[in-house]
Amino acid sequence: MNFDHLATVMRRLALEAGDRIMEIYRDPDFEVRAKSDESPVTEADEAADALISAGLAEAFPQVALVTEEQAASHAQAVSTFLIVDPLDGTKEFVQRRGDFTVNIAYVENGVPLRGVVYAPAKGRLFYTLADGRAVEETGAFAKDAPGEQVPITVSVPDNRALMVVASKSHRDQATDDYIARYAVRDMTSAGSSLKFCLVATGEADLYPRLGRTMEWDTAAGDAVLRGAGGEVVRFDDHSPLAYGKPGFANPFFIAYAPGVLLVK
């Protein structure tokens, strides 16, 4: 894989998809439907998916592509592939809370090596450079040239006073019970893959997820967090979260800054 080309293409497609999503977001009357699993889907999900899928297929025709909105792409497990969630946080989008993201990642041998997470309503753009380091870009987000790229890195956590981020739409008692096992100085909530990015920037130390997620929900944020020095592990045995599993469903997991003393 040419990582320079990959970084350029993923960034541009995320920004273009973000523009399309925001056009629909500003429409007071966009349609919301329920998928077979009862999760919501909108015109924005589908438009962003079509745009990103076409761009990736053109740029990397030999690389397998898995996207949330195309069930045929979920047919078999793979180890090296591109994976897309064109609009992560559809519930946040529908409720106009702004915590939704565009997510594109490249997985090689089960490891998310590169990724981009763009929160168009928040004006935040995170991605990995060609060498794997994670940055947050600031500025006007021009399609043809990046603005200032600020390196991001995880915190040096104080286990006597951890900052925890948890899901805004999927918080439950099991998650609260697990968090209660840590010495927490404060908590925040966020939607979509922004939670990974808050750990990546040092704005949070720990993000536990004791609920259903799919690989397209997590791969890009996982790549950004790894590029910032963080880790994502399975909840049950603390082994690294792997990708390309049959069905692309994740187990419960924990994203964190190394130095956090994980409990079981």
Protein backbone atom coordinates (compact mmCIF):
# COMPACT_ATOMS: atom_id res chain seq x y z
CA MET A 1 0.00 0.00 0.00
CA ASN A 2 1.20 3.50 -0.88
CA PHE A 3 0.46 5.22 2.42
CA ASP A 4 1.07 8.74 1.08
CA HIS A 5 -1.60 8.21 -1.58
CA LEU A 6 -3.89 6.49 0.92
CA ALA A 7 -3.71 9.38 3.38
CA THR A 8 -4.48 11.91 0.64
CA VAL A 9 -7.42 9.97 -0.76
CA MET A 10 -9.01 9.13 2.61
CA ARG A 11 -8.77 12.74 3.79
CA ARG A 12 -10.29 14.15 0.59
CA LEU A 13 -13.14 11.64 0.51
CA ALA A 14 -13.97 12.24 4.17
CA LEU A 15 -14.17 15.99 3.55
CA GLU A 16 -16.29 15.57 0.43
CA ALA A 17 -18.64 13.20 2.26
CA GLY A 18 -18.82 15.66 5.15
CA ASP A 19 -19.94 18.42 2.78
CA ARG A 20 -22.71 16.22 1.40
CA ILE A 21 -23.80 15.18 4.88
CA MET A 22 -24.03 18.80 6.03
CA GLU A 23 -26.16 19.74 3.02
CA ILE A 24 -28.71 17.16 4.13
CA TYR A 25 -28.28 17.99 7.84
CA ARG A 26 -29.38 21.57 7.11
CA ASP A 27 -32.54 20.36 5.37
CA PRO A 28 -35.39 20.60 7.89
CA ASP A 29 -37.17 17.66 6.28
CA PHE A 30 -34.70 14.85 5.59
CA GLU A 31 -36.13 11.33 5.62
CA VAL A 32 -35.29 8.79 8.33
CA ARG A 33 -35.95 5.08 7.79
CA ALA A 34 -35.35 1.98 9.88
CA LYS A 35 -32.99 -0.74 8.67
CA SER A 36 -33.63 -4.44 9.27
CA ASP A 37 -31.91 -4.22 12.67
CA GLU A 38 -34.14 -1.26 13.58
CA SER A 39 -31.21 1.21 13.50
CA PRO A 40 -31.90 4.46 11.64
CA VAL A 41 -30.59 5.31 8.18
CA THR A 42 -30.90 8.57 6.28
CA GLU A 43 -30.25 9.96 2.83
CA ALA A 44 -26.99 11.31 4.26
CA ASP A 45 -25.74 7.81 5.17
CA GLU A 46 -26.44 6.57 1.67
CA ALA A 47 -25.08 9.59 -0.19
CA ALA A 48 -21.84 9.60 1.81
CA ASP A 49 -21.47 5.85 1.35
CA ALA A 50 -21.86 6.10 -2.42
CA LEU A 51 -19.35 8.94 -2.65
CA ILE A 52 -16.69 7.27 -0.49
CA SER A 53 -17.14 3.81 -1.99
CA ALA A 54 -16.76 5.11 -5.54
CA GLY A 55 -13.65 7.08 -4.60
CA LEU A 56 -11.97 4.19 -2.84
CA ALA A 57 -12.83 1.71 -5.59
CA GLU A 58 -11.29 4.02 -8.18
CA ALA A 59 -8.13 4.72 -6.15
CA PHE A 60 -7.58 1.20 -4.78
CA PRO A 61 -9.37 -1.26 -7.07
CA GLN A 62 -7.43 -4.28 -5.79
CA VAL A 63 -8.25 -3.72 -2.11
CA ALA A 64 -11.38 -5.29 -0.58
CA LEU A 65 -13.95 -2.78 0.62
CA VAL A 66 -16.36 -3.21 3.54
CA THR A 67 -18.96 -0.54 4.24
CA GLU A 68 -21.81 -0.37 6.71
CA GLU A 69 -24.42 0.52 4.12
CA GLN A 70 -23.63 -2.27 1.62
CA ALA A 71 -24.61 -5.63 3.06
CA ALA A 72 -22.99 -7.49 0.16
CA SER A 73 -19.61 -6.20 1.35
CA HIS A 74 -20.04 -8.07 4.65
CA ALA A 75 -20.20 -11.48 2.99
CA GLN A 76 -16.89 -12.91 4.12
CA ALA A 77 -14.11 -12.31 6.60
CA VAL A 78 -10.97 -10.67 5.22
CA SER A 79 -7.65 -9.67 6.76
CA THR A 80 -6.61 -6.71 4.60
CA PHE A 81 -9.29 -4.24 3.49
CA LEU A 82 -10.69 -0.73 3.52
CA ILE A 83 -13.62 -0.22 5.88
CA VAL A 84 -16.12 2.64 5.93
CA ASP A 85 -18.79 4.00 8.19
CA PRO A 86 -20.03 6.92 6.09
CA LEU A 87 -22.07 8.42 8.94
CA ASP A 88 -21.30 7.09 12.40
CA GLY A 89 -23.74 8.47 14.95
CA THR A 90 -26.89 8.54 12.85
CA LYS A 91 -28.94 9.00 16.02
CA GLU A 92 -26.90 12.13 16.81
CA PHE A 93 -27.47 13.29 13.22
CA VAL A 94 -31.23 12.74 13.42
CA GLN A 95 -31.43 14.55 16.76
CA ARG A 96 -29.19 17.32 15.39
CA ARG A 97 -26.67 17.02 18.19
CA GLY A 98 -23.62 17.28 15.94
CA ASP A 99 -21.67 14.31 17.35
CA PHE A 100 -21.54 12.35 14.11
CA THR A 101 -18.51 11.41 12.04
CA VAL A 102 -17.27 10.16 8.70
CA ASN A 103 -14.96 7.17 9.15
CA ILE A 104 -12.58 5.54 6.69
CA ALA A 105 -9.85 3.07 7.67
CA TYR A 106 -7.33 0.71 6.15
CA VAL A 107 -6.84 -2.63 7.90
CA GLU A 108 -3.87 -4.87 7.18
CA ASN A 109 -3.55 -8.35 8.65
CA GLY A 110 -6.34 -7.56 11.10
CA VAL A 111 -4.78 -4.30 12.37
CA PRO A 112 -6.25 -0.85 11.60
CA LEU A 113 -3.09 0.90 10.39
CA ARG A 114 -4.49 4.14 8.97
CA GLY A 115 -7.70 6.06 9.40
CA VAL A 116 -9.57 9.34 9.20
CA VAL A 117 -12.35 10.58 11.46
CA TYR A 118 -14.14 13.76 10.40
CA ALA A 119 -16.82 15.45 12.49
CA PRO A 120 -18.21 18.02 10.02
CA ALA A 121 -20.69 19.65 12.40
CA LYS A 122 -17.97 20.01 15.05
CA GLY A 123 -15.29 21.16 12.64
CA ARG A 124 -12.82 18.54 13.86
CA LEU A 125 -10.68 16.40 11.57
CA PHE A 126 -8.39 13.65 12.83
CA TYR A 127 -6.28 11.28 10.74
CA THR A 128 -3.08 9.31 10.46
CA LEU A 129 -0.23 10.53 8.30
CA ALA A 130 1.61 8.29 5.85
CA ASP A 131 4.01 7.25 8.62
CA GLY A 132 1.15 6.31 10.98
CA ARG A 133 1.39 9.27 13.35
CA ALA A 134 -1.94 10.84 14.29
CA VAL A 135 -2.76 14.51 13.84
CA GLU A 136 -5.68 16.88 14.17
CA GLU A 137 -5.92 19.29 11.27
CA THR A 138 -7.00 22.87 11.86
CA GLY A 139 -7.99 25.50 9.36
CA ALA A 140 -10.30 25.63 6.39
CA PHE A 141 -10.05 21.93 5.39
CA ALA A 142 -9.23 22.60 1.74
CA LYS A 143 -9.74 19.48 -0.35
CA ASP A 144 -6.51 19.75 -2.31
CA ALA A 145 -4.04 20.58 0.48
CA PRO A 146 -4.03 20.02 4.23
CA GLY A 147 -3.90 22.90 6.65
CA GLU A 148 -1.93 22.94 9.88
CA GLN A 149 -1.48 19.41 11.19
CA VAL A 150 -1.15 19.34 14.96
CA PRO A 151 0.39 16.12 16.31
CA ILE A 152 -1.82 14.47 18.93
CA THR A 153 -0.81 12.13 21.70
CA VAL A 154 -2.53 10.36 24.55
CA SER A 155 -2.37 11.61 28.11
CA VAL A 156 -0.07 10.49 30.88
CA PRO A 157 -2.91 9.29 33.10
CA ASP A 158 -3.18 9.71 36.85
CA ASN A 159 -4.92 6.57 38.10
CA ARG A 160 -6.11 8.49 41.14
CA ALA A 161 -8.07 10.90 38.93
CA LEU A 162 -9.00 9.57 35.51
CA MET A 163 -10.98 11.36 32.85
CA VAL A 164 -13.50 8.98 31.27
CA VAL A 165 -15.53 9.33 28.10
CA ALA A 166 -18.61 7.21 27.48
CA SER A 167 -21.28 6.88 24.83
CA LYS A 168 -23.93 9.57 24.59
CA SER A 169 -26.65 7.34 23.07
CA HIS A 170 -25.71 3.88 24.40
CA ARG A 171 -24.81 4.41 28.06
CA ASP A 172 -26.06 1.62 30.33
CA GLN A 173 -25.81 0.36 33.88
CA ALA A 174 -23.10 -2.18 33.05
CA THR A 175 -20.90 0.61 31.72
CA ASP A 176 -21.55 2.76 34.78
CA ASP A 177 -20.75 -0.16 37.08
CA TYR A 178 -17.45 -0.77 35.28
CA ILE A 179 -16.47 2.90 35.37
CA ALA A 180 -17.23 2.96 39.09
CA ARG A 181 -14.29 0.59 39.62
CA TYR A 182 -11.88 3.40 38.72
CA ALA A 183 -10.96 6.59 40.55
CA VAL A 184 -12.62 9.11 38.23
CA ARG A 185 -12.13 12.85 38.47
CA ASP A 186 -14.65 13.64 35.75
CA MET A 187 -16.67 12.16 32.93
CA THR A 188 -17.82 13.38 29.57
CA SER A 189 -20.05 11.90 26.91
CA ALA A 190 -19.67 11.94 23.16
CA GLY A 191 -21.31 10.32 20.19
CA SER A 192 -19.79 8.19 17.45
CA SER A 193 -16.06 7.60 17.02
CA LEU A 194 -15.28 10.99 18.58
CA LYS A 195 -14.75 9.08 21.82
CA PHE A 196 -11.61 7.45 20.40
CA CYS A 197 -10.38 10.85 19.30
CA LEU A 198 -10.87 12.37 22.75
CA VAL A 199 -8.60 9.67 24.15
CA ALA A 200 -6.15 10.24 21.29
CA THR A 201 -5.86 13.96 22.05
CA GLY A 202 -5.50 13.44 25.79
CA GLU A 203 -8.92 14.97 26.51
CA ALA A 204 -9.86 11.64 28.11
CA ASP A 205 -7.90 8.70 29.51
CA LEU A 206 -10.37 5.84 29.19
CA TYR A 207 -13.28 4.81 26.98
CA PRO A 208 -14.97 1.49 27.84
CA ARG A 209 -17.64 0.11 25.52
CA LEU A 210 -19.83 -2.63 26.94
CA GLY A 211 -22.26 -2.83 24.08
CA ARG A 212 -22.70 -3.91 20.50
CA THR A 213 -20.47 -2.29 17.87
CA MET A 214 -19.33 -3.27 14.42
CA GLU A 215 -15.86 -2.98 12.97
CA TRP A 216 -16.84 -0.05 10.75
CA ASP A 217 -17.88 1.83 13.92
CA THR A 218 -14.42 1.53 15.44
CA ALA A 219 -11.67 0.96 12.84
CA ALA A 220 -10.93 4.58 11.93
CA GLY A 221 -11.02 5.83 15.51
CA ASP A 222 -8.92 2.85 16.58
CA ALA A 223 -6.30 3.71 13.92
CA VAL A 224 -6.18 7.34 15.03
CA LEU A 225 -5.86 6.33 18.67
CA ARG A 226 -3.07 3.85 17.93
CA GLY A 227 -1.30 6.57 15.94
CA ALA A 228 -1.46 8.78 19.03
CA GLY A 229 0.06 6.10 21.26
CA GLY A 230 -3.16 4.63 22.62
CA GLU A 231 -4.49 1.08 22.72
CA VAL A 232 -7.78 -0.72 22.13
CA VAL A 233 -8.25 -4.13 23.73
CA ARG A 234 -10.99 -6.67 24.22
CA PHE A 235 -12.91 -6.26 27.45
CA ASP A 236 -12.72 -9.94 28.39
CA ASP A 237 -9.01 -10.72 28.16
CA HIS A 238 -7.35 -7.38 27.32
CA SER A 239 -5.91 -8.74 24.07
CA PRO A 240 -5.71 -6.30 21.11
CA LEU A 241 -8.97 -5.75 19.26
CA ALA A 242 -8.66 -7.51 15.89
CA TYR A 243 -10.41 -6.75 12.61
CA GLY A 244 -11.71 -8.84 9.73
CA LYS A 245 -13.73 -11.15 11.95
CA PRO A 246 -16.61 -13.18 10.46
CA GLY A 247 -19.64 -10.91 10.46
CA PHE A 248 -17.48 -7.90 11.42
CA ALA A 249 -19.01 -7.67 14.92
CA ASN A 250 -16.84 -6.47 17.81
CA PRO A 251 -16.70 -7.84 21.33
CA PHE A 252 -16.89 -5.39 24.21
CA PHE A 253 -13.69 -3.35 24.32
CA ILE A 254 -11.67 -0.73 26.19
CA ALA A 255 -9.82 2.17 24.53
CA TYR A 256 -7.29 3.85 26.75
CA ALA A 257 -4.04 5.69 27.25
CA PRO A 258 -1.21 3.34 28.28
CA GLY A 259 -0.63 3.88 31.97
CA VAL A 260 -4.27 3.38 32.88
CA LEU A 261 -4.36 0.36 35.18
CA LEU A 262 -7.15 -1.67 33.64
CA VAL A 263 -9.41 -3.67 35.92
CA LYS A 264 -11.38 -6.78 35.07
